[in-house]
Structures are given as structure tokens and as C-alpha cells.
């Protein structure tokens, strides 16, 4: 199978990036302002977070609404299509927790997982 034909590659192309799965996970609870997403991803630079938000928007995973033409009033939410990623990422998070436990690491608990 060619890499371009691989369905796993197609999925990875959408969620690849350090912060995209975290962003989707944070948005599964509902709409968040840009500042709230910054708090969910404190290690991400503003530039990287903005770029990954734009990529998710371009892929149709999230939608952005701008109120009052200010970054402080940007609100992000999952699209209906983006919500189809939630069970996939939930399963991935469960696998990750099991993997960390297997390695003898204590999985971190997060309010959004």
C-alpha cells in the first residue's frame, strides 16, 4: 500500500502536531475562548497554538467565531465532523494511560481527559 493510500496516514495528517489532540480534547466539553485554550496548553507558544488552531479549522475539525474583532473574543468549538474525533482520541488517551502504567509511570490526571 502506498503511503498516500493509508487511512492511518490520513488520520495522522489531521491530528499530527503536539497540541492538536490536546486542543480537540479541551473543546470536547464545549466552546472555549482563545485565552482558555492558552491555559489548556501552557507550554505551547502563542504562534504554534495559533497555527495549529488554523490547521484544525482548515481541516473542518473546529470552527472559530470572532466577536468584536479582538483576539480576546475569539471562540472555538468542535464542528459536527470534529466531534467524530472525540471517541478516537478518548481511545488513544486510554491506550496512552495503559502504556504509561506498563512502563511504570503514573499517568497524569487531567480535568479534560
C-alpha atoms as a PDB file:
ATOM      1  CA  UNK A   1       0.000   0.000   0.000  1.00  0.00           C
ATOM      2  CA  UNK A   2       1.257   3.441  -0.881  1.00  0.00           C
ATOM      3  CA  UNK A   3       1.595   5.892   1.984  1.00  0.00           C
ATOM      4  CA  UNK A   4      -0.890   8.234   0.293  1.00  0.00           C
ATOM      5  CA  UNK A   5      -3.479   5.413   0.322  1.00  0.00           C
ATOM      6  CA  UNK A   6      -3.025   4.536   4.002  1.00  0.00           C
ATOM      7  CA  UNK A   7      -6.075   5.516   6.101  1.00  0.00           C
ATOM      8  CA  UNK A   8      -3.933   5.758   9.252  1.00  0.00           C
ATOM      9  CA  UNK A   9      -1.744   8.328   7.471  1.00  0.00           C
ATOM     10  CA  UNK A  10      -4.870  10.308   6.519  1.00  0.00           C
ATOM     11  CA  UNK A  11      -5.930  10.413  10.188  1.00  0.00           C
ATOM     12  CA  UNK A  12      -2.446  11.340  11.391  1.00  0.00           C
ATOM     13  CA  UNK A  13      -2.272  14.146   8.835  1.00  0.00           C
ATOM     14  CA  UNK A  14      -5.266  15.785  10.544  1.00  0.00           C
ATOM     15  CA  UNK A  15      -4.165  15.391  14.177  1.00  0.00           C
ATOM     16  CA  UNK A  16      -0.387  15.480  13.871  1.00  0.00           C
ATOM     17  CA  UNK A  17       1.211  18.183  15.920  1.00  0.00           C
ATOM     18  CA  UNK A  18       1.927  18.337  19.600  1.00  0.00           C
ATOM     19  CA  UNK A  19      -1.119  20.408  20.513  1.00  0.00           C
ATOM     20  CA  UNK A  20      -3.893  19.381  18.114  1.00  0.00           C
ATOM     21  CA  UNK A  21      -5.093  16.372  20.134  1.00  0.00           C
ATOM     22  CA  UNK A  22      -4.949  18.494  23.310  1.00  0.00           C
ATOM     23  CA  UNK A  23      -6.993  21.228  21.614  1.00  0.00           C
ATOM     24  CA  UNK A  24      -9.637  18.765  20.423  1.00  0.00           C
ATOM     25  CA  UNK A  25      -9.730  17.176  23.872  1.00  0.00           C
ATOM     26  CA  UNK A  26     -10.233  20.566  25.526  1.00  0.00           C
ATOM     27  CA  UNK A  27     -13.016  21.501  23.110  1.00  0.00           C
ATOM     28  CA  UNK A  28     -14.986  18.298  23.651  1.00  0.00           C
ATOM     29  CA  UNK A  29     -16.564  19.939  26.713  1.00  0.00           C
ATOM     30  CA  UNK A  30     -17.776  22.897  24.656  1.00  0.00           C
ATOM     31  CA  UNK A  31     -16.822  26.275  23.250  1.00  0.00           C
ATOM     32  CA  UNK A  32     -13.695  27.940  24.636  1.00  0.00           C
ATOM     33  CA  UNK A  33     -12.181  31.371  24.209  1.00  0.00           C
ATOM     34  CA  UNK A  34      -8.632  31.697  22.908  1.00  0.00           C
ATOM     35  CA  UNK A  35      -7.348  32.566  26.384  1.00  0.00           C
ATOM     36  CA  UNK A  36      -8.937  29.444  27.830  1.00  0.00           C
ATOM     37  CA  UNK A  37      -7.217  27.338  25.180  1.00  0.00           C
ATOM     38  CA  UNK A  38      -3.922  29.044  26.061  1.00  0.00           C
ATOM     39  CA  UNK A  39      -4.422  27.919  29.668  1.00  0.00           C
ATOM     40  CA  UNK A  40      -5.124  24.359  28.477  1.00  0.00           C
ATOM     41  CA  UNK A  41      -1.826  24.395  26.548  1.00  0.00           C
ATOM     42  CA  UNK A  42       0.527  26.481  28.729  1.00  0.00           C
ATOM     43  CA  UNK A  43       3.679  25.074  27.151  1.00  0.00           C
ATOM     44  CA  UNK A  44       2.600  25.983  23.614  1.00  0.00           C
ATOM     45  CA  UNK A  45       3.833  29.247  22.225  1.00  0.00           C
ATOM     46  CA  UNK A  46       1.185  31.655  21.015  1.00  0.00           C
ATOM     47  CA  UNK A  47       2.491  31.264  17.460  1.00  0.00           C
ATOM     48  CA  UNK A  48       2.319  27.457  17.493  1.00  0.00           C
ATOM     49  CA  UNK A  49      -1.106  27.370  19.154  1.00  0.00           C
ATOM     50  CA  UNK A  50      -2.484  29.826  16.603  1.00  0.00           C
ATOM     51  CA  UNK A  51      -1.009  27.829  13.711  1.00  0.00           C
ATOM     52  CA  UNK A  52      -2.452  24.556  14.990  1.00  0.00           C
ATOM     53  CA  UNK A  53      -5.857  26.152  15.544  1.00  0.00           C
ATOM     54  CA  UNK A  54      -5.801  27.411  11.959  1.00  0.00           C
ATOM     55  CA  UNK A  55      -4.847  23.966  10.649  1.00  0.00           C
ATOM     56  CA  UNK A  56      -7.696  22.336  12.581  1.00  0.00           C
ATOM     57  CA  UNK A  57     -10.080  24.974  11.265  1.00  0.00           C
ATOM     58  CA  UNK A  58      -8.853  24.417   7.700  1.00  0.00           C
ATOM     59  CA  UNK A  59      -9.433  20.645   8.129  1.00  0.00           C
ATOM     60  CA  UNK A  60     -13.021  21.287   9.271  1.00  0.00           C
ATOM     61  CA  UNK A  61     -12.394  19.968  12.788  1.00  0.00           C
ATOM     62  CA  UNK A  62     -13.038  23.220  14.647  1.00  0.00           C
ATOM     63  CA  UNK A  63     -14.817  26.453  13.892  1.00  0.00           C
ATOM     64  CA  UNK A  64     -13.787  29.900  15.013  1.00  0.00           C
ATOM     65  CA  UNK A  65     -16.108  32.786  15.737  1.00  0.00           C
ATOM     66  CA  UNK A  66     -14.798  36.266  16.244  1.00  0.00           C
ATOM     67  CA  UNK A  67     -16.785  38.630  18.429  1.00  0.00           C
ATOM     68  CA  UNK A  68     -15.839  42.327  18.388  1.00  0.00           C
ATOM     69  CA  UNK A  69     -12.803  41.787  16.090  1.00  0.00           C
ATOM     70  CA  UNK A  70     -10.477  41.074  19.010  1.00  0.00           C
ATOM     71  CA  UNK A  71      -8.322  38.024  19.748  1.00  0.00           C
ATOM     72  CA  UNK A  72      -9.731  38.083  23.278  1.00  0.00           C
ATOM     73  CA  UNK A  73     -13.183  37.496  21.831  1.00  0.00           C
ATOM     74  CA  UNK A  74     -12.302  34.538  19.590  1.00  0.00           C
ATOM     75  CA  UNK A  75     -14.304  31.455  20.448  1.00  0.00           C
ATOM     76  CA  UNK A  76     -13.519  27.970  19.236  1.00  0.00           C
ATOM     77  CA  UNK A  77     -15.702  24.889  19.134  1.00  0.00           C
ATOM     78  CA  UNK A  78     -15.703  21.478  17.522  1.00  0.00           C
ATOM     79  CA  UNK A  79     -17.679  21.067  14.338  1.00  0.00           C
ATOM     80  CA  UNK A  80     -20.007  18.085  13.965  1.00  0.00           C
ATOM     81  CA  UNK A  81     -17.227  16.482  11.934  1.00  0.00           C
ATOM     82  CA  UNK A  82     -14.689  17.339  14.645  1.00  0.00           C
ATOM     83  CA  UNK A  83     -16.847  15.609  17.252  1.00  0.00           C
ATOM     84  CA  UNK A  84     -16.258  12.342  15.382  1.00  0.00           C
ATOM     85  CA  UNK A  85     -12.640  12.555  16.578  1.00  0.00           C
ATOM     86  CA  UNK A  86     -13.604  12.551  20.273  1.00  0.00           C
ATOM     87  CA  UNK A  87     -14.068   8.755  20.616  1.00  0.00           C
ATOM     88  CA  UNK A  88     -10.851   8.173  18.669  1.00  0.00           C
ATOM     89  CA  UNK A  89      -8.850  10.463  20.965  1.00  0.00           C
ATOM     90  CA  UNK A  90     -10.585   9.012  24.052  1.00  0.00           C
ATOM     91  CA  UNK A  91      -9.444   5.540  22.979  1.00  0.00           C
ATOM     92  CA  UNK A  92      -5.945   6.893  22.286  1.00  0.00           C
ATOM     93  CA  UNK A  93      -5.831   8.511  25.750  1.00  0.00           C
ATOM     94  CA  UNK A  94      -6.886   5.228  27.378  1.00  0.00           C
ATOM     95  CA  UNK A  95      -4.183   3.391  25.464  1.00  0.00           C
ATOM     96  CA  UNK A  96      -1.643   6.048  26.496  1.00  0.00           C
ATOM     97  CA  UNK A  97      -2.580   5.698  30.181  1.00  0.00           C
ATOM     98  CA  UNK A  98      -2.214   1.914  29.947  1.00  0.00           C
ATOM     99  CA  UNK A  99       1.116   2.313  28.181  1.00  0.00           C
ATOM    100  CA  UNK A 100       2.438   4.697  30.847  1.00  0.00           C
ATOM    101  CA  UNK A 101       1.329   2.240  33.529  1.00  0.00           C
ATOM    102  CA  UNK A 102       3.073  -0.583  31.676  1.00  0.00           C
ATOM    103  CA  UNK A 103       6.266   1.473  31.712  1.00  0.00           C
ATOM    104  CA  UNK A 104       5.847   2.074  35.424  1.00  0.00           C
ATOM    105  CA  UNK A 105       4.881   5.723  35.053  1.00  0.00           C
ATOM    106  CA  UNK A 106       1.931   7.174  36.846  1.00  0.00           C
ATOM    107  CA  UNK A 107      -0.499   8.648  34.315  1.00  0.00           C
ATOM    108  CA  UNK A 108      -1.306  12.310  34.863  1.00  0.00           C
ATOM    109  CA  UNK A 109      -4.933  13.041  35.560  1.00  0.00           C
ATOM    110  CA  UNK A 110      -6.405  15.964  33.759  1.00  0.00           C
ATOM    111  CA  UNK A 111      -9.813  17.528  34.034  1.00  0.00           C
ATOM    112  CA  UNK A 112     -10.281  17.286  30.262  1.00  0.00           C
ATOM    113  CA  UNK A 113      -9.289  13.660  29.683  1.00  0.00           C
END
